[in-house]
Amino acid sequence: MSDETFARGIPWRERLRAAASVVKRLAGMPDYDRYLAHLRESHPERPVPTEREYYQEFVKGRYEDGSSRCC
């Protein structure tokens, strides 16, 4: 096993990213990577927002009179 991997051969960076995603979801924050996958699959015609634009839209939809869901 190399220095890049541990526990079942999963790269530590990938495990760290997954852990950060779980923490964000528990805190009620959306997952940008997951949103990008959804956007490409369900809405390929839409422009891809930057991560900053995505979070701004999330906050606006959650705390103002906007929709927080598309589907």
Protein backbone atom coordinates (compact mmCIF):
# COMPACT_ATOMS: atom_id res chain seq x y z
CA MET A 1 0.00 0.00 0.00
CA SER A 2 1.41 3.40 -0.94
CA ASP A 3 1.54 6.57 1.14
CA GLU A 4 -1.39 7.87 -0.94
CA THR A 5 -3.80 5.24 0.31
CA PHE A 6 -5.03 3.77 3.56
CA ALA A 7 -7.99 1.77 4.84
CA ARG A 8 -9.32 -0.38 2.02
CA GLY A 9 -7.11 1.22 -0.61
CA ILE A 10 -9.16 4.43 -0.94
CA PRO A 11 -6.95 7.50 -1.52
CA TRP A 12 -6.88 9.76 1.53
CA ARG A 13 -7.82 12.84 -0.53
CA GLU A 14 -10.96 11.11 -1.75
CA ARG A 15 -11.88 10.10 1.80
CA LEU A 16 -11.29 13.67 3.00
CA ARG A 17 -13.51 15.06 0.23
CA ALA A 18 -16.27 12.59 1.13
CA ALA A 19 -16.01 13.52 4.82
CA ALA A 20 -16.23 17.24 3.99
CA SER A 21 -19.32 16.57 1.89
CA VAL A 22 -21.02 14.78 4.79
CA VAL A 23 -20.21 17.62 7.18
CA LYS A 24 -21.63 20.18 4.73
CA ARG A 25 -24.85 18.19 4.32
CA LEU A 26 -25.23 17.83 8.08
CA ALA A 27 -24.82 21.60 8.42
CA GLY A 28 -27.50 22.15 5.76
CA MET A 29 -25.12 23.34 3.05
CA PRO A 30 -25.46 22.02 -0.49
CA ASP A 31 -22.81 19.91 -2.20
CA TYR A 32 -21.47 21.75 -5.27
CA ASP A 33 -19.93 18.64 -6.87
CA ARG A 34 -23.20 16.75 -6.50
CA TYR A 35 -25.08 19.72 -7.98
CA LEU A 36 -22.75 19.78 -11.00
CA ALA A 37 -23.42 16.09 -11.64
CA HIS A 38 -27.19 16.73 -11.40
CA LEU A 39 -26.95 19.77 -13.66
CA ARG A 40 -25.05 17.89 -16.36
CA GLU A 41 -27.43 14.94 -16.21
CA SER A 42 -30.80 16.69 -15.90
CA HIS A 43 -30.22 20.18 -17.30
CA PRO A 44 -27.38 20.11 -19.84
CA GLU A 45 -28.69 23.26 -21.53
CA ARG A 46 -28.17 25.41 -18.42
CA PRO A 47 -24.94 27.33 -17.92
CA VAL A 48 -22.69 26.01 -15.15
CA PRO A 49 -22.41 28.53 -12.30
CA THR A 50 -19.20 29.08 -10.40
CA GLU A 51 -19.10 27.65 -6.89
CA ARG A 52 -19.54 31.14 -5.47
CA GLU A 53 -22.59 31.83 -7.68
CA TYR A 54 -24.06 28.49 -6.67
CA TYR A 55 -23.80 29.21 -2.94
CA GLN A 56 -25.18 32.72 -3.40
CA GLU A 57 -28.19 31.29 -5.22
CA PHE A 58 -28.63 28.67 -2.50
CA VAL A 59 -28.63 31.31 0.26
CA LYS A 60 -31.03 33.49 -1.72
CA GLY A 61 -33.42 30.58 -2.30
CA ARG A 62 -33.27 29.46 1.29
CA TYR A 63 -33.67 32.78 3.07
CA GLU A 64 -35.54 34.92 0.56
CA ASP A 65 -38.70 34.31 -1.44
CA GLY A 66 -37.06 31.99 -3.93
CA SER A 67 -37.23 28.32 -4.70
CA SER A 68 -34.45 26.09 -3.39
CA ARG A 69 -35.33 23.15 -5.67
CA CYS A 70 -35.43 22.77 -9.40
CA CYS A 71 -36.91 19.30 -9.74
